[in-house]
């Protein structure tokens, strides 16, 4: 079990992978949130916040992006000193948007979101999620993918602000169960945040 606890900040655990995807690739996990982010509004930059988020990074060829998008991505990589993915799909627990809402991140189209849980009805409960990752990818990045799905290159679990989220180990069925259950050796990027993992 992984516990992400943040205090006026965020915690971000990143697990690098290299996984070819097929139409049968499945992403499964369980998560629990005890408190929402009251001021969150994913439609605007000032409200870009969520108590729990699980993201998948894709090895998309950035040279296929428009000049403007390539320039923005280059700036992001330069500022962070990291190899920021050209495409990231995030599953979020929101406070008000309808379940199954799909939208770009308020800051960048390089990140796109799908709302899987919303509101307070299931707070404090373990919720199982199962996603057909290629179908979700095509839904959110079909304008760029030309019908193809690149490799998955990473999975990240994050919690923000004064919230608690306990996502259990993540797995891609048939491909990544061994790799991703090894999350007790995480690459932790955080600021003022405690991240604990237990297998």
C-alpha atoms as a PDB file:
ATOM      1  CA  UNK A   1       0.000   0.000   0.000  1.00  0.00           C
ATOM      2  CA  UNK A   2       1.189   3.502  -0.832  1.00  0.00           C
ATOM      3  CA  UNK A   3       0.268   6.476   1.326  1.00  0.00           C
ATOM      4  CA  UNK A   4       0.671  10.023   0.011  1.00  0.00           C
ATOM      5  CA  UNK A   5       0.301  12.741   2.621  1.00  0.00           C
ATOM      6  CA  UNK A   6       0.872  16.398   1.745  1.00  0.00           C
ATOM      7  CA  UNK A   7       0.965  19.616   3.748  1.00  0.00           C
ATOM      8  CA  UNK A   8       0.287  22.710   1.614  1.00  0.00           C
ATOM      9  CA  UNK A   9       2.239  21.009  -1.167  1.00  0.00           C
ATOM     10  CA  UNK A  10       2.161  17.857  -3.231  1.00  0.00           C
ATOM     11  CA  UNK A  11       3.744  14.434  -3.377  1.00  0.00           C
ATOM     12  CA  UNK A  12       4.615  12.765  -6.652  1.00  0.00           C
ATOM     13  CA  UNK A  13       5.891   9.200  -6.910  1.00  0.00           C
ATOM     14  CA  UNK A  14       7.158   8.292 -10.391  1.00  0.00           C
ATOM     15  CA  UNK A  15       7.829   4.726 -11.472  1.00  0.00           C
ATOM     16  CA  UNK A  16       9.700   4.369 -14.783  1.00  0.00           C
ATOM     17  CA  UNK A  17       8.558   1.594 -17.103  1.00  0.00           C
ATOM     18  CA  UNK A  18       8.938   0.550 -20.725  1.00  0.00           C
ATOM     19  CA  UNK A  19       5.803  -1.211 -21.897  1.00  0.00           C
ATOM     20  CA  UNK A  20       4.437  -1.733 -25.406  1.00  0.00           C
ATOM     21  CA  UNK A  21       0.675  -1.312 -25.395  1.00  0.00           C
ATOM     22  CA  UNK A  22      -1.983  -3.274 -27.255  1.00  0.00           C
ATOM     23  CA  UNK A  23      -5.769  -2.872 -27.360  1.00  0.00           C
ATOM     24  CA  UNK A  24      -5.887  -5.480 -24.565  1.00  0.00           C
ATOM     25  CA  UNK A  25      -3.623  -3.599 -22.151  1.00  0.00           C
ATOM     26  CA  UNK A  26      -5.411  -2.870 -18.886  1.00  0.00           C
ATOM     27  CA  UNK A  27      -4.542  -0.514 -16.053  1.00  0.00           C
ATOM     28  CA  UNK A  28      -5.905  -1.502 -12.626  1.00  0.00           C
ATOM     29  CA  UNK A  29      -5.607  -0.014  -9.161  1.00  0.00           C
ATOM     30  CA  UNK A  30      -7.510   0.809  -5.990  1.00  0.00           C
ATOM     31  CA  UNK A  31      -7.524   4.206  -4.324  1.00  0.00           C
ATOM     32  CA  UNK A  32      -9.059   5.992  -1.395  1.00  0.00           C
ATOM     33  CA  UNK A  33      -9.544   9.690  -0.644  1.00  0.00           C
ATOM     34  CA  UNK A  34     -10.675  10.989   2.740  1.00  0.00           C
ATOM     35  CA  UNK A  35     -11.059  14.697   1.968  1.00  0.00           C
ATOM     36  CA  UNK A  36     -11.652  16.765  -1.156  1.00  0.00           C
ATOM     37  CA  UNK A  37      -9.922  19.956  -2.260  1.00  0.00           C
ATOM     38  CA  UNK A  38     -12.770  22.419  -1.777  1.00  0.00           C
ATOM     39  CA  UNK A  39     -11.299  25.172  -3.945  1.00  0.00           C
ATOM     40  CA  UNK A  40     -10.336  22.893  -6.834  1.00  0.00           C
ATOM     41  CA  UNK A  41     -11.553  23.730 -10.331  1.00  0.00           C
ATOM     42  CA  UNK A  42      -9.725  21.772 -13.019  1.00  0.00           C
ATOM     43  CA  UNK A  43     -10.998  24.113 -15.719  1.00  0.00           C
ATOM     44  CA  UNK A  44      -8.825  27.023 -14.575  1.00  0.00           C
ATOM     45  CA  UNK A  45      -5.155  27.351 -13.642  1.00  0.00           C
ATOM     46  CA  UNK A  46      -5.864  28.718 -10.185  1.00  0.00           C
ATOM     47  CA  UNK A  47      -7.953  25.653  -9.381  1.00  0.00           C
ATOM     48  CA  UNK A  48      -5.693  22.981 -10.888  1.00  0.00           C
ATOM     49  CA  UNK A  49      -5.798  20.696  -7.863  1.00  0.00           C
ATOM     50  CA  UNK A  50      -6.938  17.192  -6.990  1.00  0.00           C
ATOM     51  CA  UNK A  51      -6.616  15.076  -3.855  1.00  0.00           C
ATOM     52  CA  UNK A  52      -5.494  12.051  -5.888  1.00  0.00           C
ATOM     53  CA  UNK A  53      -4.214  11.555  -9.392  1.00  0.00           C
ATOM     54  CA  UNK A  54      -2.696   8.669 -11.337  1.00  0.00           C
ATOM     55  CA  UNK A  55      -0.872   9.516 -14.559  1.00  0.00           C
ATOM     56  CA  UNK A  56       0.631   7.506 -17.402  1.00  0.00           C
ATOM     57  CA  UNK A  57       3.509   8.914 -19.488  1.00  0.00           C
ATOM     58  CA  UNK A  58       3.717   8.000 -23.171  1.00  0.00           C
ATOM     59  CA  UNK A  59       6.778   7.852 -25.445  1.00  0.00           C
ATOM     60  CA  UNK A  60       5.195  10.005 -28.127  1.00  0.00           C
ATOM     61  CA  UNK A  61       7.542  11.446 -30.768  1.00  0.00           C
ATOM     62  CA  UNK A  62       7.535  15.177 -29.977  1.00  0.00           C
ATOM     63  CA  UNK A  63       8.760  16.003 -33.498  1.00  0.00           C
ATOM     64  CA  UNK A  64       5.217  15.260 -34.684  1.00  0.00           C
ATOM     65  CA  UNK A  65       3.822  18.153 -32.657  1.00  0.00           C
ATOM     66  CA  UNK A  66       3.265  21.651 -33.993  1.00  0.00           C
ATOM     67  CA  UNK A  67       6.093  24.153 -33.724  1.00  0.00           C
ATOM     68  CA  UNK A  68       4.273  25.978 -30.944  1.00  0.00           C
ATOM     69  CA  UNK A  69       3.728  22.815 -28.898  1.00  0.00           C
ATOM     70  CA  UNK A  70       7.354  21.745 -29.380  1.00  0.00           C
ATOM     71  CA  UNK A  71       8.516  25.148 -28.162  1.00  0.00           C
ATOM     72  CA  UNK A  72       6.348  24.927 -25.027  1.00  0.00           C
ATOM     73  CA  UNK A  73       7.595  21.416 -24.319  1.00  0.00           C
ATOM     74  CA  UNK A  74      11.201  22.516 -24.757  1.00  0.00           C
ATOM     75  CA  UNK A  75      10.684  25.366 -22.282  1.00  0.00           C
ATOM     76  CA  UNK A  76       9.110  22.984 -19.749  1.00  0.00           C
ATOM     77  CA  UNK A  77      12.050  20.591 -20.070  1.00  0.00           C
ATOM     78  CA  UNK A  78      14.529  23.422 -19.710  1.00  0.00           C
ATOM     79  CA  UNK A  79      12.851  24.857 -16.604  1.00  0.00           C
ATOM     80  CA  UNK A  80      12.444  21.531 -14.823  1.00  0.00           C
ATOM     81  CA  UNK A  81      15.677  19.908 -15.940  1.00  0.00           C
ATOM     82  CA  UNK A  82      13.640  16.762 -16.639  1.00  0.00           C
ATOM     83  CA  UNK A  83      12.599  14.871 -19.744  1.00  0.00           C
ATOM     84  CA  UNK A  84       8.984  16.040 -19.568  1.00  0.00           C
ATOM     85  CA  UNK A  85       6.793  13.616 -21.573  1.00  0.00           C
ATOM     86  CA  UNK A  86       5.172  14.861 -24.754  1.00  0.00           C
ATOM     87  CA  UNK A  87       1.945  13.147 -23.724  1.00  0.00           C
ATOM     88  CA  UNK A  88       0.592  12.387 -20.255  1.00  0.00           C
ATOM     89  CA  UNK A  89      -2.818  10.953 -19.429  1.00  0.00           C
ATOM     90  CA  UNK A  90      -4.055  11.476 -15.873  1.00  0.00           C
ATOM     91  CA  UNK A  91      -6.949   9.897 -14.032  1.00  0.00           C
ATOM     92  CA  UNK A  92      -8.235  12.168 -11.285  1.00  0.00           C
ATOM     93  CA  UNK A  93     -10.593  12.262  -8.323  1.00  0.00           C
ATOM     94  CA  UNK A  94     -12.334  15.638  -8.559  1.00  0.00           C
ATOM     95  CA  UNK A  95     -14.691  17.488  -6.263  1.00  0.00           C
ATOM     96  CA  UNK A  96     -17.457  18.421  -8.722  1.00  0.00           C
ATOM     97  CA  UNK A  97     -16.919  17.589 -12.401  1.00  0.00           C
ATOM     98  CA  UNK A  98     -19.083  14.740 -13.748  1.00  0.00           C
ATOM     99  CA  UNK A  99     -17.507  11.292 -13.850  1.00  0.00           C
ATOM    100  CA  UNK A 100     -16.005  10.487 -17.278  1.00  0.00           C
ATOM    101  CA  UNK A 101     -15.289  14.135 -18.040  1.00  0.00           C
ATOM    102  CA  UNK A 102     -12.303  14.343 -20.400  1.00  0.00           C
ATOM    103  CA  UNK A 103     -10.365  17.576 -20.768  1.00  0.00           C
ATOM    104  CA  UNK A 104      -6.895  19.092 -21.240  1.00  0.00           C
ATOM    105  CA  UNK A 105      -4.962  20.308 -18.238  1.00  0.00           C
ATOM    106  CA  UNK A 106      -5.513  24.011 -17.553  1.00  0.00           C
ATOM    107  CA  UNK A 107      -1.801  24.720 -18.098  1.00  0.00           C
ATOM    108  CA  UNK A 108      -0.909  22.531 -21.058  1.00  0.00           C
ATOM    109  CA  UNK A 109      -2.396  20.260 -23.723  1.00  0.00           C
ATOM    110  CA  UNK A 110       0.532  17.890 -23.122  1.00  0.00           C
ATOM    111  CA  UNK A 111      -1.468  16.629 -20.119  1.00  0.00           C
ATOM    112  CA  UNK A 112      -5.048  15.436 -20.511  1.00  0.00           C
ATOM    113  CA  UNK A 113      -7.414  14.368 -17.773  1.00  0.00           C
ATOM    114  CA  UNK A 114     -10.218  11.884 -17.238  1.00  0.00           C
ATOM    115  CA  UNK A 115     -12.348  12.223 -14.116  1.00  0.00           C
ATOM    116  CA  UNK A 116     -12.971   8.775 -12.605  1.00  0.00           C
ATOM    117  CA  UNK A 117     -14.433   9.762  -9.237  1.00  0.00           C
ATOM    118  CA  UNK A 118     -16.185  12.943  -8.216  1.00  0.00           C
ATOM    119  CA  UNK A 119     -17.649  14.429  -5.095  1.00  0.00           C
ATOM    120  CA  UNK A 120     -17.889  13.189  -1.533  1.00  0.00           C
ATOM    121  CA  UNK A 121     -20.150  10.164  -1.926  1.00  0.00           C
ATOM    122  CA  UNK A 122     -17.320   7.620  -1.854  1.00  0.00           C
ATOM    123  CA  UNK A 123     -14.879   9.383   0.463  1.00  0.00           C
ATOM    124  CA  UNK A 124     -13.165   7.007   2.878  1.00  0.00           C
ATOM    125  CA  UNK A 125     -13.883   3.980   0.678  1.00  0.00           C
ATOM    126  CA  UNK A 126     -11.473   1.837  -1.327  1.00  0.00           C
ATOM    127  CA  UNK A 127     -12.544   2.160  -4.959  1.00  0.00           C
ATOM    128  CA  UNK A 128     -11.349  -0.266  -7.637  1.00  0.00           C
ATOM    129  CA  UNK A 129     -10.577   1.133 -11.084  1.00  0.00           C
ATOM    130  CA  UNK A 130      -9.976  -0.741 -14.328  1.00  0.00           C
ATOM    131  CA  UNK A 131      -9.163   1.126 -17.519  1.00  0.00           C
ATOM    132  CA  UNK A 132      -8.473   0.032 -21.077  1.00  0.00           C
ATOM    133  CA  UNK A 133      -5.461   2.254 -21.459  1.00  0.00           C
ATOM    134  CA  UNK A 134      -5.251   2.303 -25.268  1.00  0.00           C
ATOM    135  CA  UNK A 135      -8.934   3.206 -25.619  1.00  0.00           C
ATOM    136  CA  UNK A 136      -8.475   6.046 -23.129  1.00  0.00           C
ATOM    137  CA  UNK A 137      -5.318   7.175 -24.920  1.00  0.00           C
ATOM    138  CA  UNK A 138      -7.075   7.298 -28.282  1.00  0.00           C
ATOM    139  CA  UNK A 139      -9.999   9.144 -26.748  1.00  0.00           C
ATOM    140  CA  UNK A 140      -7.794  11.862 -25.276  1.00  0.00           C
ATOM    141  CA  UNK A 141      -4.909  12.026 -27.781  1.00  0.00           C
ATOM    142  CA  UNK A 142      -6.620  10.828 -30.950  1.00  0.00           C
ATOM    143  CA  UNK A 143      -6.036  14.227 -32.542  1.00  0.00           C
ATOM    144  CA  UNK A 144      -2.283  13.504 -32.455  1.00  0.00           C
ATOM    145  CA  UNK A 145      -1.942   9.723 -32.412  1.00  0.00           C
ATOM    146  CA  UNK A 146      -3.021   8.866 -35.983  1.00  0.00           C
ATOM    147  CA  UNK A 147      -4.505   5.672 -34.584  1.00  0.00           C
ATOM    148  CA  UNK A 148      -1.308   4.457 -32.943  1.00  0.00           C
ATOM    149  CA  UNK A 149      -0.480   4.046 -29.248  1.00  0.00           C
ATOM    150  CA  UNK A 150       3.142   4.639 -28.173  1.00  0.00           C
ATOM    151  CA  UNK A 151       4.871   2.772 -25.369  1.00  0.00           C
ATOM    152  CA  UNK A 152       4.061   3.628 -21.788  1.00  0.00           C
ATOM    153  CA  UNK A 153       7.220   5.047 -20.193  1.00  0.00           C
ATOM    154  CA  UNK A 154       6.110   5.817 -16.657  1.00  0.00           C
ATOM    155  CA  UNK A 155       3.348   5.837 -14.073  1.00  0.00           C
ATOM    156  CA  UNK A 156       2.994   8.555 -11.442  1.00  0.00           C
ATOM    157  CA  UNK A 157       0.812   8.736  -8.351  1.00  0.00           C
ATOM    158  CA  UNK A 158       0.308  12.099  -6.683  1.00  0.00           C
ATOM    159  CA  UNK A 159      -1.549  13.738  -3.820  1.00  0.00           C
ATOM    160  CA  UNK A 160      -1.937  17.461  -3.272  1.00  0.00           C
ATOM    161  CA  UNK A 161      -2.484  20.008  -0.505  1.00  0.00           C
ATOM    162  CA  UNK A 162      -3.787  18.806   2.868  1.00  0.00           C
ATOM    163  CA  UNK A 163      -5.248  15.667   1.404  1.00  0.00           C
ATOM    164  CA  UNK A 164      -4.675  11.951   1.855  1.00  0.00           C
ATOM    165  CA  UNK A 165      -4.809   9.349  -0.878  1.00  0.00           C
ATOM    166  CA  UNK A 166      -3.807   5.709  -0.637  1.00  0.00           C
ATOM    167  CA  UNK A 167      -3.605   4.168  -4.123  1.00  0.00           C
ATOM    168  CA  UNK A 168      -2.680   0.487  -3.972  1.00  0.00           C
ATOM    169  CA  UNK A 169       0.017  -0.871  -6.333  1.00  0.00           C
ATOM    170  CA  UNK A 170      -0.708  -0.214  -9.983  1.00  0.00           C
ATOM    171  CA  UNK A 171      -0.428  -2.839 -12.675  1.00  0.00           C
ATOM    172  CA  UNK A 172      -0.769  -3.298 -16.382  1.00  0.00           C
ATOM    173  CA  UNK A 173      -2.283  -6.740 -16.689  1.00  0.00           C
ATOM    174  CA  UNK A 174      -0.088  -9.232 -18.573  1.00  0.00           C
ATOM    175  CA  UNK A 175       2.746  -6.754 -18.936  1.00  0.00           C
ATOM    176  CA  UNK A 176       3.747  -4.913 -15.826  1.00  0.00           C
ATOM    177  CA  UNK A 177       2.494  -6.624 -12.702  1.00  0.00           C
ATOM    178  CA  UNK A 178       6.012  -7.487 -11.551  1.00  0.00           C
ATOM    179  CA  UNK A 179       7.545  -4.131 -12.414  1.00  0.00           C
ATOM    180  CA  UNK A 180       4.855  -1.995 -10.870  1.00  0.00           C
ATOM    181  CA  UNK A 181       4.377  -4.022  -7.732  1.00  0.00           C
ATOM    182  CA  UNK A 182       8.011  -3.113  -7.014  1.00  0.00           C
ATOM    183  CA  UNK A 183       6.896   0.376  -6.025  1.00  0.00           C
ATOM    184  CA  UNK A 184       8.723   0.031  -2.724  1.00  0.00           C
ATOM    185  CA  UNK A 185      11.724   1.473  -4.606  1.00  0.00           C
ATOM    186  CA  UNK A 186      10.131   4.706  -5.848  1.00  0.00           C
ATOM    187  CA  UNK A 187      11.653   7.755  -7.466  1.00  0.00           C
ATOM    188  CA  UNK A 188      10.117  10.351  -5.175  1.00  0.00           C
ATOM    189  CA  UNK A 189       9.878  13.971  -6.295  1.00  0.00           C
ATOM    190  CA  UNK A 190       8.174  16.010  -3.608  1.00  0.00           C
ATOM    191  CA  UNK A 191       8.196  19.267  -1.735  1.00  0.00           C
ATOM    192  CA  UNK A 192       7.386  19.245   1.967  1.00  0.00           C
ATOM    193  CA  UNK A 193       5.710  15.880   1.507  1.00  0.00           C
ATOM    194  CA  UNK A 194       5.919  12.516   3.175  1.00  0.00           C
ATOM    195  CA  UNK A 195       5.533   9.474   0.940  1.00  0.00           C
ATOM    196  CA  UNK A 196       5.438   6.005   2.421  1.00  0.00           C
ATOM    197  CA  UNK A 197       5.117   2.781   0.459  1.00  0.00           C
ATOM    198  CA  UNK A 198       4.434  -0.694   1.734  1.00  0.00           C
ATOM    199  CA  UNK A 199       4.250  -3.877  -0.310  1.00  0.00           C
END
